[in-house]
Amino acid sequence: GDVMAGIEPTAGTINDVCAFGESGLLLLALEGSQIPAYFIPALGPAPKWCSYLEHLT
């Protein structure tokens, strides 16, 4: 496949990645307590509950 994005979080090592349904939203499990979210439009649309993301890119 092709590289869509490079994700290098500053809060620690990536332990797991969760793709939110059929959307382009990714959630990362890191070494820290925060769970960062990344939206990659090439992977799919934004979920309905955060559709405003479509207009930010």
PDB file of N, CA and C in Angstrom:
ATOM      1  N   GLY A   1       0.813  -1.181   0.000  1.00  0.00           N
ATOM      2  CA  GLY A   1       0.000   0.000   0.000  1.00  0.00           C
ATOM      3  C   GLY A   1       0.856   1.244   0.000  1.00  0.00           C
ATOM      4  N   ASP A   2       0.211   2.353  -0.111  1.00  0.00           N
ATOM      5  CA  ASP A   2       0.871   3.656  -0.113  1.00  0.00           C
ATOM      6  C   ASP A   2       0.881   4.256   1.286  1.00  0.00           C
ATOM      7  N   VAL A   3       1.880   5.073   1.563  1.00  0.00           N
ATOM      8  CA  VAL A   3       1.946   5.805   2.822  1.00  0.00           C
ATOM      9  C   VAL A   3       0.945   6.949   2.754  1.00  0.00           C
ATOM     10  N   MET A   4       0.046   7.022   3.723  1.00  0.00           N
ATOM     11  CA  MET A   4      -0.975   8.078   3.770  1.00  0.00           C
ATOM     12  C   MET A   4      -0.552   9.225   4.683  1.00  0.00           C
ATOM     13  N   ALA A   5       0.135   8.886   5.776  1.00  0.00           N
ATOM     14  CA  ALA A   5       0.530   9.901   6.746  1.00  0.00           C
ATOM     15  C   ALA A   5       1.641   9.344   7.619  1.00  0.00           C
ATOM     16  N   GLY A   6       2.439  10.228   8.136  1.00  0.00           N
ATOM     17  CA  GLY A   6       3.446   9.856   9.120  1.00  0.00           C
ATOM     18  C   GLY A   6       3.000  10.387  10.474  1.00  0.00           C
ATOM     19  N   ILE A   7       2.848   9.506  11.442  1.00  0.00           N
ATOM     20  CA  ILE A   7       2.385   9.914  12.772  1.00  0.00           C
ATOM     21  C   ILE A   7       3.508   9.647  13.763  1.00  0.00           C
ATOM     22  N   GLU A   8       3.994  10.713  14.388  1.00  0.00           N
ATOM     23  CA  GLU A   8       5.050  10.612  15.384  1.00  0.00           C
ATOM     24  C   GLU A   8       4.621  11.382  16.629  1.00  0.00           C
ATOM     25  N   PRO A   9       3.840  10.760  17.511  1.00  0.00           N
ATOM     26  CA  PRO A   9       3.369  11.472  18.702  1.00  0.00           C
ATOM     27  C   PRO A   9       4.524  11.799  19.645  1.00  0.00           C
ATOM     28  N   THR A  10       4.403  12.913  20.327  1.00  0.00           N
ATOM     29  CA  THR A  10       5.451  13.343  21.253  1.00  0.00           C
ATOM     30  C   THR A  10       5.228  12.789  22.655  1.00  0.00           C
ATOM     31  N   ALA A  11       4.060  12.202  22.922  1.00  0.00           N
ATOM     32  CA  ALA A  11       3.715  11.742  24.268  1.00  0.00           C
ATOM     33  C   ALA A  11       4.195  10.331  24.576  1.00  0.00           C
ATOM     34  N   GLY A  12       4.883   9.678  23.662  1.00  0.00           N
ATOM     35  CA  GLY A  12       5.378   8.342  23.963  1.00  0.00           C
ATOM     36  C   GLY A  12       5.287   7.405  22.778  1.00  0.00           C
ATOM     37  N   THR A  13       5.510   6.142  23.060  1.00  0.00           N
ATOM     38  CA  THR A  13       5.504   5.096  22.044  1.00  0.00           C
ATOM     39  C   THR A  13       4.078   4.664  21.720  1.00  0.00           C
ATOM     40  N   ILE A  14       3.808   4.382  20.453  1.00  0.00           N
ATOM     41  CA  ILE A  14       2.490   3.891  20.042  1.00  0.00           C
ATOM     42  C   ILE A  14       2.391   2.413  20.410  1.00  0.00           C
ATOM     43  N   ASN A  15       1.382   2.064  21.223  1.00  0.00           N
ATOM     44  CA  ASN A  15       1.147   0.674  21.612  1.00  0.00           C
ATOM     45  C   ASN A  15       0.080   0.007  20.759  1.00  0.00           C
ATOM     46  N   ASP A  16      -0.905   0.780  20.310  1.00  0.00           N
ATOM     47  CA  ASP A  16      -1.998   0.215  19.520  1.00  0.00           C
ATOM     48  C   ASP A  16      -2.656   1.332  18.722  1.00  0.00           C
ATOM     49  N   VAL A  17      -3.286   0.956  17.615  1.00  0.00           N
ATOM     50  CA  VAL A  17      -4.021   1.896  16.767  1.00  0.00           C
ATOM     51  C   VAL A  17      -5.424   1.353  16.583  1.00  0.00           C
ATOM     52  N   CYS A  18      -6.424   2.208  16.766  1.00  0.00           N
ATOM     53  CA  CYS A  18      -7.819   1.812  16.588  1.00  0.00           C
ATOM     54  C   CYS A  18      -8.432   2.673  15.489  1.00  0.00           C
ATOM     55  N   ALA A  19      -8.880   2.039  14.414  1.00  0.00           N
ATOM     56  CA  ALA A  19      -9.589   2.749  13.344  1.00  0.00           C
ATOM     57  C   ALA A  19     -11.060   2.799  13.734  1.00  0.00           C
ATOM     58  N   PHE A  20     -11.637   3.991  13.737  1.00  0.00           N
ATOM     59  CA  PHE A  20     -13.016   4.177  14.173  1.00  0.00           C
ATOM     60  C   PHE A  20     -13.969   3.839  13.034  1.00  0.00           C
ATOM     61  N   GLY A  21     -14.519   2.655  13.058  1.00  0.00           N
ATOM     62  CA  GLY A  21     -15.505   2.228  12.065  1.00  0.00           C
ATOM     63  C   GLY A  21     -14.993   2.352  10.642  1.00  0.00           C
ATOM     64  N   GLU A  22     -15.864   2.784   9.747  1.00  0.00           N
ATOM     65  CA  GLU A  22     -15.525   2.958   8.324  1.00  0.00           C
ATOM     66  C   GLU A  22     -15.130   4.402   8.041  1.00  0.00           C
ATOM     67  N   SER A  23     -14.472   5.034   9.001  1.00  0.00           N
ATOM     68  CA  SER A  23     -14.112   6.442   8.850  1.00  0.00           C
ATOM     69  C   SER A  23     -12.598   6.590   8.727  1.00  0.00           C
ATOM     70  N   GLY A  24     -12.162   7.821   8.601  1.00  0.00           N
ATOM     71  CA  GLY A  24     -10.743   8.125   8.543  1.00  0.00           C
ATOM     72  C   GLY A  24     -10.191   8.545   9.891  1.00  0.00           C
ATOM     73  N   LEU A  25     -10.942   8.278  10.963  1.00  0.00           N
ATOM     74  CA  LEU A  25     -10.525   8.663  12.308  1.00  0.00           C
ATOM     75  C   LEU A  25      -9.726   7.535  12.953  1.00  0.00           C
ATOM     76  N   LEU A  26      -8.535   7.860  13.431  1.00  0.00           N
ATOM     77  CA  LEU A  26      -7.676   6.899  14.118  1.00  0.00           C
ATOM     78  C   LEU A  26      -7.457   7.353  15.551  1.00  0.00           C
ATOM     79  N   LEU A  27      -7.511   6.416  16.488  1.00  0.00           N
ATOM     80  CA  LEU A  27      -7.208   6.677  17.891  1.00  0.00           C
ATOM     81  C   LEU A  27      -5.955   5.887  18.241  1.00  0.00           C
ATOM     82  N   LEU A  28      -5.038   6.516  18.971  1.00  0.00           N
ATOM     83  CA  LEU A  28      -3.777   5.860  19.317  1.00  0.00           C
ATOM     84  C   LEU A  28      -3.700   5.591  20.809  1.00  0.00           C
ATOM     85  N   ALA A  29      -3.241   4.406  21.170  1.00  0.00           N
ATOM     86  CA  ALA A  29      -2.940   4.082  22.563  1.00  0.00           C
ATOM     87  C   ALA A  29      -1.438   4.271  22.742  1.00  0.00           C
ATOM     88  N   LEU A  30      -1.073   5.200  23.616  1.00  0.00           N
ATOM     89  CA  LEU A  30       0.333   5.528  23.842  1.00  0.00           C
ATOM     90  C   LEU A  30       0.771   5.080  25.232  1.00  0.00           C
ATOM     91  N   GLU A  31       2.027   5.324  25.542  1.00  0.00           N
ATOM     92  CA  GLU A  31       2.552   5.022  26.872  1.00  0.00           C
ATOM     93  C   GLU A  31       1.898   5.903  27.936  1.00  0.00           C
ATOM     94  N   GLY A  32       1.476   7.110  27.571  1.00  0.00           N
ATOM     95  CA  GLY A  32       0.860   8.032  28.513  1.00  0.00           C
ATOM     96  C   GLY A  32      -0.630   7.781  28.669  1.00  0.00           C
ATOM     97  N   SER A  33      -1.304   8.648  29.409  1.00  0.00           N
ATOM     98  CA  SER A  33      -2.732   8.466  29.689  1.00  0.00           C
ATOM     99  C   SER A  33      -3.640   9.097  28.633  1.00  0.00           C
ATOM    100  N   GLN A  34      -3.119   9.979  27.797  1.00  0.00           N
ATOM    101  CA  GLN A  34      -3.943  10.613  26.769  1.00  0.00           C
ATOM    102  C   GLN A  34      -4.072   9.718  25.543  1.00  0.00           C
ATOM    103  N   ILE A  35      -5.215   9.844  24.847  1.00  0.00           N
ATOM    104  CA  ILE A  35      -5.464   9.085  23.618  1.00  0.00           C
ATOM    105  C   ILE A  35      -5.641  10.091  22.485  1.00  0.00           C
ATOM    106  N   PRO A  36      -4.585  10.341  21.708  1.00  0.00           N
ATOM    107  CA  PRO A  36      -4.718  11.303  20.613  1.00  0.00           C
ATOM    108  C   PRO A  36      -5.537  10.727  19.456  1.00  0.00           C
ATOM    109  N   ALA A  37      -6.221  11.616  18.756  1.00  0.00           N
ATOM    110  CA  ALA A  37      -7.028  11.234  17.596  1.00  0.00           C
ATOM    111  C   ALA A  37      -6.459  11.920  16.359  1.00  0.00           C
ATOM    112  N   TYR A  38      -6.441  11.193  15.257  1.00  0.00           N
ATOM    113  CA  TYR A  38      -5.963  11.716  13.980  1.00  0.00           C
ATOM    114  C   TYR A  38      -7.017  11.439  12.924  1.00  0.00           C
ATOM    115  N   PHE A  39      -7.284  12.439  12.079  1.00  0.00           N
ATOM    116  CA  PHE A  39      -8.235  12.271  10.985  1.00  0.00           C
ATOM    117  C   PHE A  39      -7.469  12.289   9.671  1.00  0.00           C
ATOM    118  N   ILE A  40      -7.600  11.207   8.898  1.00  0.00           N
ATOM    119  CA  ILE A  40      -6.940  11.085   7.595  1.00  0.00           C
ATOM    120  C   ILE A  40      -8.032  10.899   6.549  1.00  0.00           C
ATOM    121  N   PRO A  41      -8.415  11.975   5.839  1.00  0.00           N
ATOM    122  CA  PRO A  41      -9.536  11.920   4.888  1.00  0.00           C
ATOM    123  C   PRO A  41      -9.383  10.853   3.807  1.00  0.00           C
ATOM    124  N   ALA A  42      -8.156  10.522   3.427  1.00  0.00           N
ATOM    125  CA  ALA A  42      -7.950   9.517   2.380  1.00  0.00           C
ATOM    126  C   ALA A  42      -8.392   8.124   2.823  1.00  0.00           C
ATOM    127  N   LEU A  43      -8.517   7.905   4.142  1.00  0.00           N
ATOM    128  CA  LEU A  43      -8.959   6.604   4.656  1.00  0.00           C
ATOM    129  C   LEU A  43     -10.475   6.476   4.714  1.00  0.00           C
ATOM    130  N   GLY A  44     -11.171   7.606   4.758  1.00  0.00           N
ATOM    131  CA  GLY A  44     -12.633   7.573   4.823  1.00  0.00           C
ATOM    132  C   GLY A  44     -13.178   8.886   5.340  1.00  0.00           C
ATOM    133  N   PRO A  45     -14.509   9.025   5.371  1.00  0.00           N
ATOM    134  CA  PRO A  45     -15.127  10.263   5.843  1.00  0.00           C
ATOM    135  C   PRO A  45     -15.049  10.382   7.365  1.00  0.00           C
ATOM    136  N   ALA A  46     -15.347  11.566   7.850  1.00  0.00           N
ATOM    137  CA  ALA A  46     -15.415  11.779   9.295  1.00  0.00           C
ATOM    138  C   ALA A  46     -16.678  11.119   9.840  1.00  0.00           C
ATOM    139  N   PRO A  47     -16.636  10.629  11.081  1.00  0.00           N
ATOM    140  CA  PRO A  47     -17.853  10.082  11.689  1.00  0.00           C
ATOM    141  C   PRO A  47     -18.933  11.165  11.782  1.00  0.00           C
ATOM    142  N   LYS A  48     -20.193  10.763  11.813  1.00  0.00           N
ATOM    143  CA  LYS A  48     -21.302  11.728  11.849  1.00  0.00           C
ATOM    144  C   LYS A  48     -21.220  12.661  13.047  1.00  0.00           C
ATOM    145  N   TRP A  49     -20.757  12.155  14.193  1.00  0.00           N
ATOM    146  CA  TRP A  49     -20.726  12.973  15.398  1.00  0.00           C
ATOM    147  C   TRP A  49     -19.614  14.023  15.374  1.00  0.00           C
ATOM    148  N   CYS A  50     -18.706  13.951  14.412  1.00  0.00           N
ATOM    149  CA  CYS A  50     -17.676  14.996  14.272  1.00  0.00           C
ATOM    150  C   CYS A  50     -17.485  15.348  12.798  1.00  0.00           C
ATOM    151  N   SER A  51     -18.590  15.523  12.107  1.00  0.00           N
ATOM    152  CA  SER A  51     -18.556  15.801  10.667  1.00  0.00           C
ATOM    153  C   SER A  51     -17.862  17.129  10.338  1.00  0.00           C
ATOM    154  N   TYR A  52     -17.723  18.011  11.312  1.00  0.00           N
ATOM    155  CA  TYR A  52     -17.042  19.289  11.077  1.00  0.00           C
ATOM    156  C   TYR A  52     -15.590  19.077  10.643  1.00  0.00           C
ATOM    157  N   LEU A  53     -15.013  17.903  10.931  1.00  0.00           N
ATOM    158  CA  LEU A  53     -13.639  17.623  10.507  1.00  0.00           C
ATOM    159  C   LEU A  53     -13.485  17.665   8.997  1.00  0.00           C
ATOM    160  N   GLU A  54     -14.542  17.306   8.275  1.00  0.00           N
ATOM    161  CA  GLU A  54     -14.494  17.312   6.812  1.00  0.00           C
ATOM    162  C   GLU A  54     -14.179  18.703   6.268  1.00  0.00           C
ATOM    163  N   HIS A  55     -14.596  19.739   6.993  1.00  0.00           N
ATOM    164  CA  HIS A  55     -14.427  21.116   6.523  1.00  0.00           C
ATOM    165  C   HIS A  55     -13.097  21.725   6.968  1.00  0.00           C
ATOM    166  N   LEU A  56     -12.346  21.024   7.813  1.00  0.00           N
ATOM    167  CA  LEU A  56     -11.070  21.545   8.299  1.00  0.00           C
ATOM    168  C   LEU A  56      -9.903  21.171   7.404  1.00  0.00           C
ATOM    169  N   THR A  57     -10.093  20.173   6.560  1.00  0.00           N
ATOM    170  CA  THR A  57      -8.969  19.706   5.746  1.00  0.00           C
ATOM    171  C   THR A  57      -9.022  20.276   4.349  1.00  0.00           C
TER     172      THR A  57
END
